[in-house]
PDB file of all heavy atoms in Angstrom:
ATOM      1  N   GLY A   1     184.398 117.637  85.593  1.00  0.00           N
ATOM      2  CA  GLY A   1     185.161 117.005  86.658  1.00  0.00           C
ATOM      3  C   GLY A   1     185.980 118.008  87.451  1.00  0.00           C
ATOM      4  O   GLY A   1     186.290 119.106  86.977  1.00  0.00           O
ATOM      5  N   ALA A   2     186.343 117.626  88.653  1.00  0.00           N
ATOM      6  CA  ALA A   2     187.168 118.477  89.513  1.00  0.00           C
ATOM      7  C   ALA A   2     188.617 118.467  89.034  1.00  0.00           C
ATOM      8  O   ALA A   2     189.032 117.609  88.243  1.00  0.00           O
ATOM      9  CB  ALA A   2     187.091 117.989  90.958  1.00  0.00           C
ATOM     10  N   ALA A   3     189.386 119.430  89.508  1.00  0.00           N
ATOM     11  CA  ALA A   3     190.826 119.471  89.290  1.00  0.00           C
ATOM     12  C   ALA A   3     191.490 119.580  90.649  1.00  0.00           C
ATOM     13  O   ALA A   3     190.853 119.963  91.642  1.00  0.00           O
ATOM     14  CB  ALA A   3     191.211 120.656  88.411  1.00  0.00           C
ATOM     15  N   GLY A   4     192.781 119.227  90.710  1.00  0.00           N
ATOM     16  CA  GLY A   4     193.415 119.300  92.016  1.00  0.00           C
ATOM     17  C   GLY A   4     194.906 119.103  91.992  1.00  0.00           C
ATOM     18  O   GLY A   4     195.518 118.898  90.935  1.00  0.00           O
ATOM     19  N   THR A   5     195.489 119.179  93.196  1.00  0.00           N
ATOM     20  CA  THR A   5     196.920 118.967  93.379  1.00  0.00           C
ATOM     21  C   THR A   5     197.141 117.853  94.393  1.00  0.00           C
ATOM     22  O   THR A   5     196.376 117.705  95.359  1.00  0.00           O
ATOM     23  CB  THR A   5     197.624 120.238  93.879  1.00  0.00           C
ATOM     24  OG1 THR A   5     197.097 120.605  95.160  1.00  0.00           O
ATOM     25  CG2 THR A   5     197.432 121.387  92.902  1.00  0.00           C
ATOM     26  N   LEU A   6     198.184 117.058  94.156  1.00  0.00           N
ATOM     27  CA  LEU A   6     198.564 115.962  95.039  1.00  0.00           C
ATOM     28  C   LEU A   6     200.055 116.094  95.329  1.00  0.00           C
ATOM     29  O   LEU A   6     200.847 116.322  94.416  1.00  0.00           O
ATOM     30  CB  LEU A   6     198.287 114.612  94.367  1.00  0.00           C
ATOM     31  CG  LEU A   6     196.897 114.372  93.782  1.00  0.00           C
ATOM     32  CD1 LEU A   6     196.895 113.083  92.959  1.00  0.00           C
ATOM     33  CD2 LEU A   6     195.859 114.297  94.879  1.00  0.00           C
ATOM     34  N   GLU A   7     200.444 115.931  96.601  1.00  0.00           N
ATOM     35  CA  GLU A   7     201.850 116.018  96.981  1.00  0.00           C
ATOM     36  C   GLU A   7     202.178 114.966  98.025  1.00  0.00           C
ATOM     37  O   GLU A   7     201.327 114.621  98.854  1.00  0.00           O
ATOM     38  CB  GLU A   7     202.170 117.381  97.609  1.00  0.00           C
ATOM     39  CG  GLU A   7     202.619 118.469  96.691  1.00  0.00           C
ATOM     40  CD  GLU A   7     203.072 119.687  97.498  1.00  0.00           C
ATOM     41  OE1 GLU A   7     202.201 120.384  98.059  1.00  0.00           O
ATOM     42  OE2 GLU A   7     204.289 119.940  97.560  1.00  0.00           O
ATOM     43  N   ALA A   8     203.417 114.491  98.012  1.00  0.00           N
ATOM     44  CA  ALA A   8     203.882 113.586  99.067  1.00  0.00           C
ATOM     45  C   ALA A   8     205.380 113.758  99.258  1.00  0.00           C
ATOM     46  O   ALA A   8     206.119 114.010  98.300  1.00  0.00           O
ATOM     47  CB  ALA A   8     203.567 112.131  98.736  1.00  0.00           C
ATOM     48  N   SER A   9     205.807 113.631 100.501  1.00  0.00           N
ATOM     49  CA  SER A   9     207.226 113.651 100.833  1.00  0.00           C
ATOM     50  C   SER A   9     207.473 112.728 102.010  1.00  0.00           C
ATOM     51  O   SER A   9     206.666 112.676 102.939  1.00  0.00           O
ATOM     52  CB  SER A   9     207.681 115.067 101.202  1.00  0.00           C
ATOM     53  OG  SER A   9     209.026 115.046 101.664  1.00  0.00           O
ATOM     54  N   ARG A  10     208.602 111.991 101.951  1.00  0.00           N
ATOM     55  CA  ARG A  10     209.011 111.172 103.095  1.00  0.00           C
ATOM     56  C   ARG A  10     210.181 111.795 103.828  1.00  0.00           C
ATOM     57  O   ARG A  10     210.648 111.254 104.835  1.00  0.00           O
ATOM     58  CB  ARG A  10     209.362 109.759 102.616  1.00  0.00           C
ATOM     59  CG  ARG A  10     210.550 109.682 101.669  1.00  0.00           C
ATOM     60  CD  ARG A  10     210.713 108.300 101.071  1.00  0.00           C
ATOM     61  NE  ARG A  10     211.855 108.236 100.153  1.00  0.00           N
ATOM     62  CZ  ARG A  10     212.136 107.197  99.360  1.00  0.00           C
ATOM     63  NH1 ARG A  10     211.340 106.138  99.373  1.00  0.00           N
ATOM     64  NH2 ARG A  10     213.178 107.207  98.564  1.00  0.00           N
ATOM     65  N   THR A  11     210.688 112.935 103.332  1.00  0.00           N
ATOM     66  CA  THR A  11     211.880 113.572 103.918  1.00  0.00           C
ATOM     67  C   THR A  11     211.573 114.932 104.511  1.00  0.00           C
ATOM     68  O   THR A  11     212.480 115.651 104.929  1.00  0.00           O
ATOM     69  CB  THR A  11     212.979 113.736 102.844  1.00  0.00           C
ATOM     70  OG1 THR A  11     212.443 114.453 101.730  1.00  0.00           O
ATOM     71  CG2 THR A  11     213.487 112.384 102.382  1.00  0.00           C
ATOM     72  N   ILE A  12     210.316 115.300 104.587  1.00  0.00           N
ATOM     73  CA  ILE A  12     209.946 116.631 105.057  1.00  0.00           C
ATOM     74  C   ILE A  12     210.168 116.745 106.566  1.00  0.00           C
ATOM     75  O   ILE A  12     210.035 115.766 107.311  1.00  0.00           O
ATOM     76  CB  ILE A  12     208.479 116.930 104.682  1.00  0.00           C
ATOM     77  CG1 ILE A  12     208.222 118.427 104.641  1.00  0.00           C
ATOM     78  CG2 ILE A  12     207.517 116.214 105.622  1.00  0.00           C
ATOM     79  CD1 ILE A  12     206.993 118.810 103.847  1.00  0.00           C
ATOM     80  N   VAL A  13     210.533 117.925 107.023  1.00  0.00           N
ATOM     81  CA  VAL A  13     210.729 118.193 108.450  1.00  0.00           C
ATOM     82  C   VAL A  13     209.506 118.955 108.961  1.00  0.00           C
ATOM     83  O   VAL A  13     209.127 119.984 108.400  1.00  0.00           O
ATOM     84  CB  VAL A  13     212.006 119.011 108.692  1.00  0.00           C
ATOM     85  CG1 VAL A  13     212.134 119.382 110.172  1.00  0.00           C
ATOM     86  CG2 VAL A  13     213.229 118.233 108.231  1.00  0.00           C
ATOM     87  N   GLY A  14     208.898 118.453 109.994  1.00  0.00           N
ATOM     88  CA  GLY A  14     207.707 119.088 110.554  1.00  0.00           C
ATOM     89  C   GLY A  14     206.570 118.095 110.661  1.00  0.00           C
ATOM     90  O   GLY A  14     206.344 117.498 111.714  1.00  0.00           O
ATOM     91  N   PRO A  15     205.816 117.872 109.569  1.00  0.00           N
ATOM     92  CA  PRO A  15     204.744 116.883 109.626  1.00  0.00           C
ATOM     93  C   PRO A  15     205.295 115.486 109.924  1.00  0.00           C
ATOM     94  O   PRO A  15     206.381 115.131 109.466  1.00  0.00           O
ATOM     95  CB  PRO A  15     204.141 116.944 108.221  1.00  0.00           C
ATOM     96  CG  PRO A  15     204.520 118.283 107.691  1.00  0.00           C
ATOM     97  CD  PRO A  15     205.870 118.579 108.277  1.00  0.00           C
ATOM     98  N   GLN A  16     204.551 114.717 110.684  1.00  0.00           N
ATOM     99  CA  GLN A  16     204.970 113.363 111.021  1.00  0.00           C
ATOM    100  C   GLN A  16     204.170 112.310 110.247  1.00  0.00           C
ATOM    101  O   GLN A  16     204.729 111.354 109.735  1.00  0.00           O
ATOM    102  CB  GLN A  16     204.820 113.123 112.530  1.00  0.00           C
ATOM    103  CG  GLN A  16     205.654 114.074 113.370  1.00  0.00           C
ATOM    104  CD  GLN A  16     207.136 113.963 113.051  1.00  0.00           C
ATOM    105  OE1 GLN A  16     207.729 112.892 113.190  1.00  0.00           O
ATOM    106  NE2 GLN A  16     207.743 115.067 112.636  1.00  0.00           N
ATOM    107  N   CYS A  17     202.865 112.509 110.190  1.00  0.00           N
ATOM    108  CA  CYS A  17     202.004 111.622 109.397  1.00  0.00           C
ATOM    109  C   CYS A  17     200.874 112.486 108.853  1.00  0.00           C
ATOM    110  O   CYS A  17     199.699 112.261 109.131  1.00  0.00           O
ATOM    111  CB  CYS A  17     201.479 110.471 110.245  1.00  0.00           C
ATOM    112  SG  CYS A  17     200.783 109.110 109.278  1.00  0.00           S
ATOM    113  N   GLY A  18     201.256 113.496 108.080  1.00  0.00           N
ATOM    114  CA  GLY A  18     200.333 114.527 107.631  1.00  0.00           C
ATOM    115  C   GLY A  18     199.600 114.171 106.355  1.00  0.00           C
ATOM    116  O   GLY A  18     199.882 114.746 105.293  1.00  0.00           O
ATOM    117  N   LEU A  19     198.674 113.246 106.457  1.00  0.00           N
ATOM    118  CA  LEU A  19     197.808 112.910 105.332  1.00  0.00           C
ATOM    119  C   LEU A  19     196.603 113.831 105.392  1.00  0.00           C
ATOM    120  O   LEU A  19     195.803 113.759 106.330  1.00  0.00           O
ATOM    121  CB  LEU A  19     197.377 111.446 105.405  1.00  0.00           C
ATOM    122  CG  LEU A  19     196.360 110.976 104.354  1.00  0.00           C
ATOM    123  CD1 LEU A  19     196.872 111.188 102.938  1.00  0.00           C
ATOM    124  CD2 LEU A  19     196.002 109.514 104.580  1.00  0.00           C
ATOM    125  N   VAL A  20     196.479 114.694 104.397  1.00  0.00           N
ATOM    126  CA  VAL A  20     195.449 115.738 104.405  1.00  0.00           C
ATOM    127  C   VAL A  20     194.654 115.670 103.111  1.00  0.00           C
ATOM    128  O   VAL A  20     195.223 115.515 102.030  1.00  0.00           O
ATOM    129  CB  VAL A  20     196.085 117.141 104.533  1.00  0.00           C
ATOM    130  CG1 VAL A  20     195.005 118.227 104.533  1.00  0.00           C
ATOM    131  CG2 VAL A  20     196.942 117.238 105.788  1.00  0.00           C
ATOM    132  N   ILE A  21     193.342 115.810 103.221  1.00  0.00           N
ATOM    133  CA  ILE A  21     192.479 115.943 102.049  1.00  0.00           C
ATOM    134  C   ILE A  21     191.619 117.178 102.240  1.00  0.00           C
ATOM    135  O   ILE A  21     191.011 117.365 103.294  1.00  0.00           O
ATOM    136  CB  ILE A  21     191.624 114.676 101.813  1.00  0.00           C
ATOM    137  CG1 ILE A  21     190.700 114.866 100.608  1.00  0.00           C
ATOM    138  CG2 ILE A  21     190.850 114.283 103.049  1.00  0.00           C
ATOM    139  CD1 ILE A  21     189.951 113.609 100.194  1.00  0.00           C
ATOM    140  N   GLU A  22     191.621 118.053 101.237  1.00  0.00           N
ATOM    141  CA  GLU A  22     190.801 119.262 101.242  1.00  0.00           C
ATOM    142  C   GLU A  22     189.900 119.232 100.016  1.00  0.00           C
ATOM    143  O   GLU A  22     190.366 119.036  98.894  1.00  0.00           O
ATOM    144  CB  GLU A  22     191.668 120.518 101.199  1.00  0.00           C
ATOM    145  CG  GLU A  22     192.597 120.671 102.385  1.00  0.00           C
ATOM    146  CD  GLU A  22     193.509 121.888 102.236  1.00  0.00           C
ATOM    147  OE1 GLU A  22     193.357 122.642 101.248  1.00  0.00           O
ATOM    148  OE2 GLU A  22     194.375 122.086 103.111  1.00  0.00           O
ATOM    149  N   LEU A  23     188.607 119.445 100.224  1.00  0.00           N
ATOM    150  CA  LEU A  23     187.636 119.457  99.140  1.00  0.00           C
ATOM    151  C   LEU A  23     186.936 120.806  99.100  1.00  0.00           C
ATOM    152  O   LEU A  23     186.527 121.332 100.145  1.00  0.00           O
ATOM    153  CB  LEU A  23     186.578 118.371  99.334  1.00  0.00           C
ATOM    154  CG  LEU A  23     187.062 116.929  99.508  1.00  0.00           C
ATOM    155  CD1 LEU A  23     185.871 115.996  99.654  1.00  0.00           C
ATOM    156  CD2 LEU A  23     187.937 116.504  98.341  1.00  0.00           C
ATOM    157  N   TYR A  24     186.778 121.353  97.911  1.00  0.00           N
ATOM    158  CA  TYR A  24     186.110 122.635  97.727  1.00  0.00           C
ATOM    159  C   TYR A  24     185.025 122.471  96.671  1.00  0.00           C
ATOM    160  O   TYR A  24     185.298 122.007  95.560  1.00  0.00           O
ATOM    161  CB  TYR A  24     187.117 123.711  97.309  1.00  0.00           C
ATOM    162  CG  TYR A  24     188.214 123.887  98.332  1.00  0.00           C
ATOM    163  CD1 TYR A  24     189.409 123.184  98.214  1.00  0.00           C
ATOM    164  CD2 TYR A  24     188.039 124.709  99.441  1.00  0.00           C
ATOM    165  CE1 TYR A  24     190.418 123.313  99.173  1.00  0.00           C
ATOM    166  CE2 TYR A  24     189.031 124.845 100.404  1.00  0.00           C
ATOM    167  CZ  TYR A  24     190.216 124.136 100.262  1.00  0.00           C
ATOM    168  OH  TYR A  24     191.204 124.260 101.222  1.00  0.00           O
ATOM    169  N   GLY A  25     183.791 122.832  97.056  1.00  0.00           N
ATOM    170  CA  GLY A  25     182.666 122.674  96.161  1.00  0.00           C
ATOM    171  C   GLY A  25     181.928 123.980  95.951  1.00  0.00           C
ATOM    172  O   GLY A  25     182.239 125.012  96.572  1.00  0.00           O
ATOM    173  N   THR A  26     180.906 123.945  95.110  1.00  0.00           N
ATOM    174  CA  THR A  26     180.138 125.150  94.811  1.00  0.00           C
ATOM    175  C   THR A  26     179.275 125.598  95.979  1.00  0.00           C
ATOM    176  O   THR A  26     178.858 126.762  96.037  1.00  0.00           O
ATOM    177  CB  THR A  26     179.235 124.904  93.589  1.00  0.00           C
ATOM    178  OG1 THR A  26     178.422 123.737  93.830  1.00  0.00           O
ATOM    179  CG2 THR A  26     180.068 124.686  92.330  1.00  0.00           C
TER     180      THR A  26
END
């Protein structure tokens, strides 16, 4: 199985609606 990191903030300065998904494969 894959491994990964997940983060969220509602108080961050800069991003407004920065929902990002990055996938890395072989």
